[in-house]
Each structure stands twice: as structure tokens, then as C-alpha cells.
N, C-alpha and C. Protein backbone atom coordinates (compact mmCIF):
# COMPACT_ATOMS: atom_id res chain seq x y z
N MET A 1 22.68 26.09 22.61
CA MET A 1 21.69 25.05 22.52
C MET A 1 22.22 23.94 21.61
N THR A 2 22.15 22.72 22.06
CA THR A 2 22.64 21.60 21.26
C THR A 2 21.49 20.97 20.50
N GLN A 3 21.81 20.50 19.33
CA GLN A 3 20.81 19.84 18.51
C GLN A 3 21.04 18.35 18.55
N LEU A 4 19.95 17.62 18.53
CA LEU A 4 20.04 16.17 18.48
C LEU A 4 20.44 15.75 17.08
N PRO A 5 21.26 14.73 16.96
CA PRO A 5 21.63 14.28 15.62
C PRO A 5 20.42 13.70 14.90
N GLN A 6 20.30 14.03 13.64
CA GLN A 6 19.21 13.51 12.82
C GLN A 6 19.57 12.11 12.34
N PRO A 7 18.59 11.21 12.25
CA PRO A 7 18.91 9.87 11.75
C PRO A 7 19.34 9.96 10.29
N SER A 8 20.33 9.20 9.97
CA SER A 8 20.85 9.20 8.61
C SER A 8 19.86 8.51 7.68
N ALA A 9 19.80 9.02 6.45
CA ALA A 9 18.91 8.41 5.46
C ALA A 9 19.35 6.98 5.15
N ALA A 10 20.65 6.71 5.39
CA ALA A 10 21.16 5.37 5.12
C ALA A 10 20.62 4.35 6.13
N LEU A 11 20.21 4.81 7.31
CA LEU A 11 19.69 3.91 8.33
C LEU A 11 18.25 3.49 8.07
N ILE A 12 17.52 4.27 7.28
CA ILE A 12 16.13 3.96 6.98
C ILE A 12 16.10 3.06 5.75
N PRO A 13 15.55 1.86 5.88
CA PRO A 13 15.55 0.95 4.73
C PRO A 13 14.61 1.47 3.64
N PRO A 14 15.02 1.34 2.39
CA PRO A 14 14.14 1.78 1.30
C PRO A 14 12.91 0.88 1.21
N PRO A 15 11.79 1.43 0.79
CA PRO A 15 10.58 0.61 0.69
C PRO A 15 10.73 -0.45 -0.40
N ASN A 16 10.09 -1.59 -0.17
CA ASN A 16 10.14 -2.64 -1.20
C ASN A 16 9.14 -2.31 -2.31
N ARG A 17 9.13 -3.12 -3.34
CA ARG A 17 8.28 -2.85 -4.52
C ARG A 17 6.80 -2.83 -4.18
N ARG A 18 6.36 -3.71 -3.29
CA ARG A 18 4.95 -3.74 -2.91
C ARG A 18 4.55 -2.44 -2.20
N GLU A 19 5.40 -1.96 -1.32
CA GLU A 19 5.13 -0.70 -0.63
C GLU A 19 5.15 0.46 -1.61
N LEU A 20 6.10 0.44 -2.54
CA LEU A 20 6.16 1.50 -3.55
C LEU A 20 4.90 1.51 -4.41
N ARG A 21 4.42 0.33 -4.76
CA ARG A 21 3.19 0.25 -5.56
C ARG A 21 1.99 0.80 -4.78
N ARG A 22 1.90 0.47 -3.51
CA ARG A 22 0.81 0.97 -2.68
C ARG A 22 0.88 2.50 -2.56
N ILE A 23 2.08 3.04 -2.38
CA ILE A 23 2.25 4.49 -2.32
C ILE A 23 1.86 5.12 -3.65
N ALA A 24 2.27 4.49 -4.75
CA ALA A 24 1.97 5.04 -6.08
C ALA A 24 0.48 5.07 -6.37
N VAL A 25 -0.23 4.02 -6.00
CA VAL A 25 -1.68 3.96 -6.25
C VAL A 25 -2.39 5.04 -5.43
N ARG A 26 -2.01 5.15 -4.16
CA ARG A 26 -2.65 6.17 -3.32
C ARG A 26 -2.31 7.57 -3.79
N GLN A 27 -1.09 7.76 -4.29
CA GLN A 27 -0.71 9.07 -4.81
C GLN A 27 -1.55 9.41 -6.04
N LYS A 28 -1.80 8.44 -6.90
CA LYS A 28 -2.62 8.69 -8.09
C LYS A 28 -4.03 9.14 -7.70
N VAL A 29 -4.59 8.53 -6.67
CA VAL A 29 -5.93 8.93 -6.21
C VAL A 29 -5.88 10.36 -5.68
N ILE A 30 -4.85 10.68 -4.92
CA ILE A 30 -4.70 12.05 -4.40
C ILE A 30 -4.56 13.04 -5.54
N LEU A 31 -3.80 12.71 -6.56
CA LEU A 31 -3.66 13.60 -7.72
C LEU A 31 -4.99 13.77 -8.44
N ALA A 32 -5.77 12.71 -8.54
CA ALA A 32 -7.10 12.83 -9.15
C ALA A 32 -7.98 13.76 -8.33
N CYS A 33 -7.88 13.66 -7.00
CA CYS A 33 -8.65 14.56 -6.13
C CYS A 33 -8.24 16.02 -6.35
N ILE A 34 -6.95 16.26 -6.50
CA ILE A 34 -6.48 17.62 -6.76
C ILE A 34 -7.02 18.11 -8.09
N LEU A 35 -7.00 17.23 -9.11
CA LEU A 35 -7.47 17.62 -10.43
C LEU A 35 -8.98 17.86 -10.47
N VAL A 36 -9.73 17.28 -9.56
CA VAL A 36 -11.17 17.55 -9.46
C VAL A 36 -11.42 18.76 -8.56
N TYR A 37 -10.68 18.83 -7.46
CA TYR A 37 -10.89 19.86 -6.43
C TYR A 37 -10.69 21.27 -6.97
N VAL A 38 -9.56 21.51 -7.62
CA VAL A 38 -9.22 22.87 -8.05
C VAL A 38 -10.20 23.41 -9.09
N PRO A 39 -10.45 22.71 -10.21
CA PRO A 39 -11.41 23.27 -11.17
C PRO A 39 -12.83 23.41 -10.60
N ALA A 40 -13.25 22.45 -9.77
CA ALA A 40 -14.59 22.55 -9.18
C ALA A 40 -14.69 23.73 -8.23
N LEU A 41 -13.64 23.99 -7.50
CA LEU A 41 -13.62 25.14 -6.60
C LEU A 41 -13.68 26.45 -7.38
N VAL A 42 -12.91 26.52 -8.46
CA VAL A 42 -12.93 27.72 -9.31
C VAL A 42 -14.31 27.88 -9.94
N LEU A 43 -14.87 26.80 -10.43
CA LEU A 43 -16.19 26.86 -11.05
C LEU A 43 -17.26 27.27 -10.04
N ALA A 44 -17.17 26.76 -8.83
CA ALA A 44 -18.13 27.14 -7.79
C ALA A 44 -18.00 28.63 -7.47
N TYR A 45 -16.78 29.14 -7.48
CA TYR A 45 -16.58 30.56 -7.21
C TYR A 45 -17.11 31.43 -8.35
N VAL A 46 -16.84 31.00 -9.59
CA VAL A 46 -17.30 31.76 -10.76
C VAL A 46 -18.83 31.76 -10.84
N LEU A 47 -19.45 30.66 -10.51
CA LEU A 47 -20.90 30.53 -10.60
C LEU A 47 -21.59 30.85 -9.27
N SER A 48 -20.94 31.61 -8.42
CA SER A 48 -21.49 31.83 -7.09
C SER A 48 -22.82 32.58 -7.09
N MET A 49 -23.17 33.22 -8.19
CA MET A 49 -24.45 33.93 -8.26
C MET A 49 -25.60 32.99 -8.58
N THR A 50 -25.30 31.79 -9.07
CA THR A 50 -26.33 30.83 -9.42
C THR A 50 -26.18 29.60 -8.52
N PRO A 51 -27.15 28.73 -8.51
CA PRO A 51 -27.00 27.50 -7.72
C PRO A 51 -25.79 26.70 -8.21
N VAL A 52 -24.99 26.25 -7.29
CA VAL A 52 -23.74 25.58 -7.64
C VAL A 52 -23.73 24.14 -7.11
N LEU A 53 -24.78 23.43 -7.37
CA LEU A 53 -24.90 22.07 -6.84
C LEU A 53 -23.82 21.14 -7.40
N LEU A 54 -23.64 21.13 -8.71
CA LEU A 54 -22.69 20.20 -9.30
C LEU A 54 -21.25 20.49 -8.88
N PRO A 55 -20.75 21.73 -8.99
CA PRO A 55 -19.38 21.97 -8.52
C PRO A 55 -19.24 21.75 -7.02
N GLY A 56 -20.28 22.09 -6.27
CA GLY A 56 -20.24 21.87 -4.82
C GLY A 56 -20.14 20.40 -4.48
N LEU A 57 -20.88 19.56 -5.20
CA LEU A 57 -20.81 18.11 -4.97
C LEU A 57 -19.46 17.55 -5.39
N ALA A 58 -18.88 18.10 -6.46
CA ALA A 58 -17.55 17.66 -6.90
C ALA A 58 -16.50 18.00 -5.85
N VAL A 59 -16.58 19.20 -5.28
CA VAL A 59 -15.64 19.60 -4.23
C VAL A 59 -15.83 18.70 -3.01
N LEU A 60 -17.06 18.44 -2.64
CA LEU A 60 -17.34 17.58 -1.48
C LEU A 60 -16.82 16.17 -1.71
N ALA A 61 -17.05 15.62 -2.89
CA ALA A 61 -16.56 14.27 -3.20
C ALA A 61 -15.04 14.23 -3.18
N ALA A 62 -14.39 15.24 -3.75
CA ALA A 62 -12.92 15.28 -3.74
C ALA A 62 -12.39 15.41 -2.32
N MET A 63 -13.10 16.16 -1.48
CA MET A 63 -12.67 16.31 -0.09
C MET A 63 -12.78 15.00 0.67
N VAL A 64 -13.87 14.28 0.49
CA VAL A 64 -14.08 13.02 1.21
C VAL A 64 -13.09 11.95 0.75
N VAL A 65 -12.98 11.78 -0.56
CA VAL A 65 -12.03 10.79 -1.08
C VAL A 65 -10.60 11.19 -0.73
N GLY A 66 -10.30 12.49 -0.87
CA GLY A 66 -8.97 12.98 -0.51
C GLY A 66 -8.65 12.75 0.94
N THR A 67 -9.62 12.94 1.82
CA THR A 67 -9.40 12.72 3.25
C THR A 67 -9.02 11.27 3.53
N VAL A 68 -9.74 10.35 2.93
CA VAL A 68 -9.46 8.93 3.16
C VAL A 68 -8.06 8.57 2.67
N PHE A 69 -7.73 9.00 1.46
CA PHE A 69 -6.44 8.60 0.90
C PHE A 69 -5.27 9.39 1.48
N VAL A 70 -5.49 10.63 1.89
CA VAL A 70 -4.44 11.36 2.60
C VAL A 70 -4.18 10.67 3.93
N PHE A 71 -5.23 10.29 4.61
CA PHE A 71 -5.07 9.59 5.88
C PHE A 71 -4.28 8.30 5.68
N LEU A 72 -4.65 7.49 4.70
CA LEU A 72 -3.96 6.22 4.46
C LEU A 72 -2.51 6.43 4.07
N LEU A 73 -2.27 7.36 3.16
CA LEU A 73 -0.91 7.58 2.68
C LEU A 73 -0.06 8.28 3.73
N ALA A 74 -0.61 9.26 4.42
CA ALA A 74 0.16 9.97 5.45
C ALA A 74 0.48 9.05 6.62
N MET A 75 -0.41 8.12 6.95
CA MET A 75 -0.11 7.15 8.01
C MET A 75 1.10 6.32 7.62
N GLU A 76 1.20 5.97 6.36
CA GLU A 76 2.32 5.16 5.90
C GLU A 76 3.61 5.99 5.81
N LEU A 77 3.49 7.24 5.40
CA LEU A 77 4.68 8.06 5.17
C LEU A 77 5.17 8.78 6.43
N TYR A 78 4.24 9.28 7.25
CA TYR A 78 4.60 10.10 8.39
C TYR A 78 4.36 9.46 9.74
N GLY A 79 3.48 8.50 9.82
CA GLY A 79 3.10 7.91 11.11
C GLY A 79 1.66 8.25 11.44
N SER A 80 1.17 7.68 12.53
CA SER A 80 -0.25 7.78 12.83
C SER A 80 -0.70 9.18 13.27
N VAL A 81 0.08 9.87 14.08
CA VAL A 81 -0.35 11.18 14.58
C VAL A 81 -0.42 12.20 13.45
N VAL A 82 0.65 12.30 12.68
CA VAL A 82 0.67 13.26 11.57
C VAL A 82 -0.33 12.85 10.51
N GLY A 83 -0.48 11.56 10.27
CA GLY A 83 -1.47 11.08 9.31
C GLY A 83 -2.88 11.49 9.68
N ALA A 84 -3.20 11.35 10.96
CA ALA A 84 -4.53 11.75 11.43
C ALA A 84 -4.71 13.26 11.31
N MET A 85 -3.67 14.03 11.66
CA MET A 85 -3.77 15.49 11.56
C MET A 85 -3.96 15.94 10.11
N LEU A 86 -3.19 15.36 9.19
CA LEU A 86 -3.34 15.73 7.78
C LEU A 86 -4.69 15.29 7.24
N GLY A 87 -5.18 14.15 7.67
CA GLY A 87 -6.50 13.70 7.25
C GLY A 87 -7.59 14.65 7.71
N ILE A 88 -7.49 15.13 8.94
CA ILE A 88 -8.49 16.09 9.45
C ILE A 88 -8.38 17.42 8.72
N LEU A 89 -7.15 17.86 8.47
CA LEU A 89 -6.95 19.13 7.76
C LEU A 89 -7.53 19.10 6.35
N THR A 90 -7.58 17.91 5.77
CA THR A 90 -8.12 17.78 4.42
C THR A 90 -9.59 18.16 4.35
N LEU A 91 -10.29 18.07 5.46
CA LEU A 91 -11.71 18.40 5.47
C LEU A 91 -11.97 19.91 5.42
N LEU A 92 -10.96 20.72 5.67
CA LEU A 92 -11.13 22.17 5.63
C LEU A 92 -10.89 22.69 4.23
N PRO A 93 -11.80 23.50 3.69
CA PRO A 93 -11.61 24.04 2.35
C PRO A 93 -10.31 24.83 2.24
N LEU A 94 -9.63 24.66 1.14
CA LEU A 94 -8.34 25.26 0.79
C LEU A 94 -7.20 24.75 1.67
N VAL A 95 -7.39 24.60 2.96
CA VAL A 95 -6.36 24.00 3.81
C VAL A 95 -6.19 22.53 3.39
N GLY A 96 -7.29 21.91 3.02
CA GLY A 96 -7.24 20.53 2.54
C GLY A 96 -6.40 20.38 1.29
N LEU A 97 -6.46 21.38 0.43
CA LEU A 97 -5.65 21.35 -0.79
C LEU A 97 -4.16 21.36 -0.43
N ILE A 98 -3.81 22.15 0.57
CA ILE A 98 -2.41 22.20 1.01
C ILE A 98 -1.99 20.85 1.59
N ALA A 99 -2.86 20.22 2.36
CA ALA A 99 -2.55 18.89 2.91
C ALA A 99 -2.37 17.88 1.78
N LEU A 100 -3.21 17.95 0.76
CA LEU A 100 -3.07 17.06 -0.39
C LEU A 100 -1.71 17.25 -1.05
N LEU A 101 -1.30 18.50 -1.22
CA LEU A 101 -0.02 18.80 -1.87
C LEU A 101 1.17 18.35 -1.02
N ILE A 102 1.08 18.50 0.31
CA ILE A 102 2.16 18.07 1.19
C ILE A 102 2.37 16.56 1.10
N VAL A 103 1.29 15.81 1.18
CA VAL A 103 1.40 14.35 1.12
C VAL A 103 1.86 13.90 -0.26
N ASN A 104 1.36 14.56 -1.30
CA ASN A 104 1.78 14.23 -2.65
C ASN A 104 3.28 14.47 -2.83
N SER A 105 3.79 15.55 -2.29
CA SER A 105 5.21 15.87 -2.40
C SER A 105 6.08 14.81 -1.72
N LYS A 106 5.68 14.39 -0.54
CA LYS A 106 6.43 13.36 0.20
C LYS A 106 6.37 12.03 -0.54
N ALA A 107 5.22 11.68 -1.08
CA ALA A 107 5.09 10.42 -1.83
C ALA A 107 5.97 10.45 -3.07
N THR A 108 6.00 11.60 -3.75
CA THR A 108 6.86 11.73 -4.93
C THR A 108 8.32 11.52 -4.57
N ALA A 109 8.76 12.12 -3.47
CA ALA A 109 10.15 11.99 -3.04
C ALA A 109 10.49 10.53 -2.72
N ILE A 110 9.61 9.83 -2.05
CA ILE A 110 9.87 8.43 -1.70
C ILE A 110 9.88 7.55 -2.94
N LEU A 111 8.94 7.80 -3.85
CA LEU A 111 8.91 7.01 -5.08
C LEU A 111 10.17 7.24 -5.92
N ARG A 112 10.60 8.48 -6.02
CA ARG A 112 11.82 8.76 -6.78
C ARG A 112 13.04 8.14 -6.12
N ALA A 113 13.08 8.17 -4.78
CA ALA A 113 14.19 7.54 -4.07
C ALA A 113 14.20 6.03 -4.28
N GLY A 114 13.03 5.46 -4.54
CA GLY A 114 12.93 4.04 -4.82
C GLY A 114 13.17 3.69 -6.27
N GLY A 115 13.52 4.68 -7.09
CA GLY A 115 13.83 4.43 -8.49
C GLY A 115 12.63 4.42 -9.41
N VAL A 116 11.50 4.94 -8.97
CA VAL A 116 10.30 4.97 -9.79
C VAL A 116 10.20 6.33 -10.48
N ARG A 117 9.91 6.31 -11.76
CA ARG A 117 9.71 7.56 -12.49
C ARG A 117 8.36 8.15 -12.12
N VAL A 118 8.37 9.43 -11.75
CA VAL A 118 7.13 10.11 -11.35
C VAL A 118 6.97 11.34 -12.22
N GLY A 119 5.81 11.41 -12.87
CA GLY A 119 5.51 12.56 -13.73
C GLY A 119 4.40 13.40 -13.14
N LEU A 120 3.80 14.22 -13.98
CA LEU A 120 2.77 15.13 -13.53
C LEU A 120 1.55 14.39 -12.98
N LEU A 121 1.22 13.25 -13.56
CA LEU A 121 0.05 12.49 -13.12
C LEU A 121 0.43 11.29 -12.25
N GLY A 122 1.56 11.36 -11.59
CA GLY A 122 1.94 10.31 -10.66
C GLY A 122 2.99 9.37 -11.21
N ALA A 123 3.13 8.26 -10.53
CA ALA A 123 4.18 7.29 -10.83
C ALA A 123 3.84 6.52 -12.10
N ASP A 124 4.90 6.12 -12.78
CA ASP A 124 4.77 5.23 -13.93
C ASP A 124 4.54 3.83 -13.40
N MET A 125 3.33 3.34 -13.52
CA MET A 125 2.96 2.05 -12.93
C MET A 125 3.63 0.88 -13.63
N ARG A 126 4.12 1.08 -14.85
CA ARG A 126 4.81 -0.01 -15.53
C ARG A 126 6.14 -0.35 -14.85
N GLY A 127 6.70 0.64 -14.15
CA GLY A 127 7.97 0.41 -13.46
C GLY A 127 7.82 -0.29 -12.13
N LEU A 128 6.60 -0.59 -11.76
CA LEU A 128 6.38 -1.25 -10.46
C LEU A 128 5.99 -2.67 -10.70
């Protein structure tokens, strides 16, 4: 079985500063969603014997905001079909967290390739 040659990374032009800034901002929102999603999910699980309105609303808000920004960022990074699929997957509990992490990982790689420092809470916006 023969394999098709993969396009060289040198053939793909690096993103300009405006595109890097847009990726960085969207990545920061996705990271904020992850930081809300995980503790709220754990809290909802721990408090499952009592009404869990507040953690449930936090998880729902993180899912909705995460869906929008995963869709926007994945469309830019992967294309429209994969972006739509990842956006839809974000609506599923726990699967959505994996979609958030996949898009975050790709955004981090692109930002680092563009010379932007990326830490635990996203890109250093001063470098953009």
C-alpha cells in the first residue's frame, strides 16, 4: 500500500501577528472554560445528594461558551468540517472537555511555532 506524501510544514505559511492574536484570545477563553468546567463538574458530583443548581449552571455556561469558541478556533485551525464536529462534541459532557483540550493543544502548537510564549494560562499577550 502506498502512502500519499504529506505536505511539508515549510509549504504552509506561518500565521501573521493578527491571526496569532486572534488564536491567542480564543485560546484564553477556552482555557477559562476548562478552568470553570472541571471544578464545577467535580463540585456537582460531590454535591450530587443535594440540589446542584450553581455548579450545574457553571457547567452549562462553560459548555455553551466553550462550544462557541471551540467552533471559532477549530474552524480557523482545522477547517469547517472538523470545526463543526468539535463544536458539536463540546456539547456532550466529558467528551466536550476532550474537545476543548484537543483544540487548546493545537492552538498552543501554532502559537509556539509563531514565536509566542505560551504558559499554563495561555499566550503571553504582551508578545503579540
